[in-house]
Protein backbone atom coordinates (compact mmCIF):
# COMPACT_ATOMS: atom_id res chain seq x y z
CA UNK A 1 136.01 218.80 34.09
CA UNK A 2 134.35 216.13 31.87
CA UNK A 3 136.62 213.57 29.41
CA UNK A 4 135.97 215.75 26.58
CA UNK A 5 137.01 218.71 27.87
CA UNK A 6 140.35 217.12 29.04
CA UNK A 7 141.14 215.97 25.64
CA UNK A 8 139.95 219.31 24.16
CA UNK A 9 142.31 220.94 26.97
CA UNK A 10 145.07 217.75 25.65
CA UNK A 11 144.57 218.87 22.45
CA UNK A 12 144.70 222.28 21.90
CA UNK A 13 148.36 222.18 23.64
CA UNK A 14 149.56 219.37 21.73
CA UNK A 15 148.37 222.17 18.79
CA UNK A 16 150.95 224.59 20.66
CA UNK A 17 154.03 222.52 21.67
CA UNK A 18 153.43 222.14 17.15
CA UNK A 19 153.15 225.54 16.78
CA UNK A 20 155.86 225.60 18.96
CA UNK A 21 158.32 223.30 17.37
CA UNK A 22 158.49 225.42 13.79
CA UNK A 23 162.01 226.23 12.92
CA UNK A 24 161.58 230.09 12.32
CA UNK A 25 164.92 230.36 11.11
CA UNK A 26 164.12 228.25 8.55
CA UNK A 27 161.20 229.82 7.09
CA UNK A 28 162.67 233.28 7.20
CA UNK A 29 165.16 231.62 4.48
CA UNK A 30 162.32 229.87 2.40
CA UNK A 31 160.10 233.77 3.05
CA UNK A 32 164.22 234.57 1.22
CA UNK A 33 163.75 231.76 -1.55
CA UNK A 34 159.61 233.67 -2.23
CA UNK A 35 161.42 237.14 -2.67
CA UNK A 36 163.78 235.95 -4.72
CA UNK A 37 161.55 234.09 -6.80
CA UNK A 38 159.24 236.83 -6.73
CA UNK A 39 161.95 239.65 -8.34
CA UNK A 40 163.04 236.69 -10.84
CA UNK A 41 159.49 236.12 -11.80
CA UNK A 42 159.62 232.36 -10.93
CA UNK A 43 156.54 229.78 -11.27
CA UNK A 44 156.24 228.16 -7.74
CA UNK A 45 154.14 225.20 -7.78
CA UNK A 46 152.39 223.16 -5.03
CA UNK A 47 151.00 219.90 -3.98
CA UNK A 48 149.69 217.53 -1.16
CA UNK A 49 147.27 214.80 -1.05
CA UNK A 50 144.20 215.02 1.02
CA UNK A 51 144.44 217.79 3.82
CA UNK A 52 147.75 218.55 2.17
CA UNK A 53 145.91 218.98 -0.73
CA UNK A 54 143.56 221.54 -0.02
CA UNK A 55 146.32 223.51 2.15
CA UNK A 56 148.29 223.44 -0.96
CA UNK A 57 145.05 225.29 -3.17
CA UNK A 58 144.71 227.11 0.17
CA UNK A 59 148.56 228.72 0.18
CA UNK A 60 148.23 229.55 -3.95
CA UNK A 61 145.32 231.28 -3.19
CA UNK A 62 146.32 233.50 -0.42
CA UNK A 63 149.94 233.94 -2.49
CA UNK A 64 148.25 234.72 -5.42
CA UNK A 65 145.91 237.15 -4.56
CA UNK A 66 146.85 238.59 -1.28
CA UNK A 67 150.45 238.84 -1.53
CA UNK A 68 150.49 239.45 -4.60
CA UNK A 69 148.31 242.51 -4.34
CA UNK A 70 149.70 243.76 -1.44
CA UNK A 71 153.43 243.70 -3.12
CA UNK A 72 152.43 245.23 -6.56
CA UNK A 73 153.59 241.95 -8.34
CA UNK A 74 151.86 238.71 -9.19
CA UNK A 75 153.21 235.65 -7.67
CA UNK A 76 152.98 233.63 -10.20
CA UNK A 77 151.53 230.13 -7.91
CA UNK A 78 149.60 227.34 -9.56
CA UNK A 79 148.81 224.00 -7.35
CA UNK A 80 148.94 220.80 -8.63
CA UNK A 81 146.32 220.03 -7.13
CA UNK A 82 143.47 221.53 -8.93
CA UNK A 83 142.57 220.26 -11.80
CA UNK A 84 140.83 217.09 -11.19
CA UNK A 85 140.13 216.12 -14.44
CA UNK A 86 143.94 216.29 -15.49
CA UNK A 87 144.71 214.32 -12.20
CA UNK A 88 142.13 211.68 -12.45
CA UNK A 89 143.10 211.53 -16.26
CA UNK A 90 146.67 211.16 -14.97
CA UNK A 91 145.83 208.77 -12.24
CA UNK A 92 143.67 206.37 -14.50
CA UNK A 93 146.39 206.29 -18.07
CA UNK A 94 149.23 206.52 -15.85
CA UNK A 95 149.19 205.76 -12.09
CA UNK A 96 148.30 207.55 -9.17
CA UNK A 97 151.69 208.59 -8.13
CA UNK A 98 152.15 210.38 -11.47
CA UNK A 99 149.87 213.23 -10.33
CA UNK A 100 151.98 215.92 -9.65
CA UNK A 101 155.32 214.76 -11.80
CA UNK A 102 153.09 214.51 -15.47
CA UNK A 103 151.81 218.18 -14.95
CA UNK A 104 155.79 219.27 -13.42
CA UNK A 105 156.66 217.71 -16.80
CA UNK A 106 154.57 220.61 -19.14
CA UNK A 107 154.94 223.78 -17.17
CA UNK A 108 157.92 223.39 -14.75
CA UNK A 109 161.26 224.99 -15.79
CA UNK A 110 164.71 224.98 -13.86
CA UNK A 111 164.90 227.36 -11.09
CA UNK A 112 160.94 227.25 -10.52
CA UNK A 113 160.42 226.13 -7.58
CA UNK A 114 158.42 223.45 -5.77
CA UNK A 115 156.69 223.47 -2.39
CA UNK A 116 155.53 219.99 -1.03
CA UNK A 117 153.40 219.16 2.21
CA UNK A 118 152.76 215.63 3.73
CA UNK A 119 152.59 214.72 7.09
CA UNK A 120 154.32 211.21 6.91
CA UNK A 121 156.72 212.61 4.01
CA UNK A 122 156.26 209.53 1.98
CA UNK A 123 153.06 210.02 -0.19
CA UNK A 124 154.87 208.71 -3.39
CA UNK A 125 153.52 211.22 -5.95
CA UNK A 126 154.85 214.07 -3.70
CA UNK A 127 158.30 212.13 -3.14
CA UNK A 128 158.36 211.13 -7.00
CA UNK A 129 157.72 214.94 -7.85
CA UNK A 130 160.24 216.30 -5.59
CA UNK A 131 163.32 213.80 -7.19
CA UNK A 132 161.93 214.82 -10.87
CA UNK A 133 162.28 218.88 -9.62
CA UNK A 134 165.69 217.95 -8.44
CA UNK A 135 166.75 216.57 -11.56
CA UNK A 136 165.48 219.29 -13.26
CA UNK A 137 166.69 222.07 -11.54
CA UNK A 138 164.13 223.28 -9.48
CA UNK A 139 164.23 224.28 -6.09
CA UNK A 140 162.22 221.52 -3.23
CA UNK A 141 160.74 222.32 -0.55
CA UNK A 142 158.87 219.97 1.97
CA UNK A 143 156.83 220.43 5.18
CA UNK A 144 156.63 217.46 6.99
CA UNK A 145 155.56 216.40 9.82
CA UNK A 146 157.75 214.58 12.48
CA UNK A 147 158.50 211.45 11.08
CA UNK A 148 160.14 213.54 8.11
CA UNK A 149 160.29 210.41 5.66
CA UNK A 150 161.72 210.41 2.36
CA UNK A 151 160.62 214.19 1.46
CA UNK A 152 163.22 215.12 3.79
CA UNK A 153 166.13 213.36 3.05
CA UNK A 154 165.76 214.57 -0.54
CA UNK A 155 164.31 217.71 -0.24
CA UNK A 156 166.57 221.07 -0.69
CA UNK A 157 164.61 223.17 2.06
CA UNK A 158 162.87 220.89 4.74
CA UNK A 159 160.44 222.52 7.65
CA UNK A 160 159.60 219.76 10.06
CA UNK A 161 156.80 220.03 12.63
CA UNK A 162 157.72 218.32 15.48
CA UNK A 163 154.14 216.03 16.13
CA UNK A 164 153.12 212.82 14.11
CA UNK A 165 148.83 213.83 14.55
CA UNK A 166 148.27 214.61 11.04
CA UNK A 167 145.31 217.05 12.31
CA UNK A 168 148.05 219.17 14.03
CA UNK A 169 151.05 218.54 11.54
CA UNK A 170 148.21 219.63 8.83
CA UNK A 171 147.34 222.98 10.50
CA UNK A 172 150.75 224.06 12.06
CA UNK A 173 151.91 223.72 7.50
CA UNK A 174 148.68 226.18 6.65
CA UNK A 175 150.48 228.55 9.60
CA UNK A 176 153.47 228.16 8.18
CA UNK A 177 151.70 229.13 4.34
CA UNK A 178 150.15 231.84 6.16
CA UNK A 179 153.22 233.38 7.53
CA UNK A 180 155.08 232.94 4.63
CA UNK A 181 151.90 234.68 2.51
CA UNK A 182 151.40 237.52 5.37
CA UNK A 183 155.37 237.94 5.50
CA UNK A 184 154.51 240.02 1.98
CA UNK A 185 150.87 241.20 2.88
CA UNK A 186 152.55 242.50 6.46
CA UNK A 187 155.81 243.39 6.77
CA UNK A 188 157.96 243.12 3.36
CA UNK A 189 158.12 246.45 1.11
CA UNK A 190 156.45 246.06 -2.02
CA UNK A 191 158.22 245.49 -5.29
CA UNK A 192 160.17 248.10 -6.86
């Protein structure tokens, strides 16, 4: 076996451990939160940085299209990472830590949902968005890595993947997002 083979096998085993650490009961509760949001026509916002920003975009796509198509009722979901012009204007004119909270100020209403993703749990712009969301009556959800960070202490619901490896946690977060979306596509009854 080559060094590369050993590394690949080790990586795959670590990824399996990260996936095995997903708290299924907490994910079930999160799916129920999204069921309620669908019934009540609540807006869902999502955000993150780097790979987590890509996951937020992917999640909004799957929930907005695939899950909505399957249920026959439309999820109102938007990724706060997708308007580059607005994000750069906010970062330039205020600060990078304001790129999500300033968008929420325009769109969010009490009882809406903010789903955040951060491996470290300490991304200043995500932390600031969650603090603002909580103060303004939104339900907050944080997907974090093993270091947990500030988000694990302030979000209403926290799902922690027990790893500090950025790639493995981001992959597990996307798995969580897929399970959330595919629960509506494959197991939950369509809306009446």
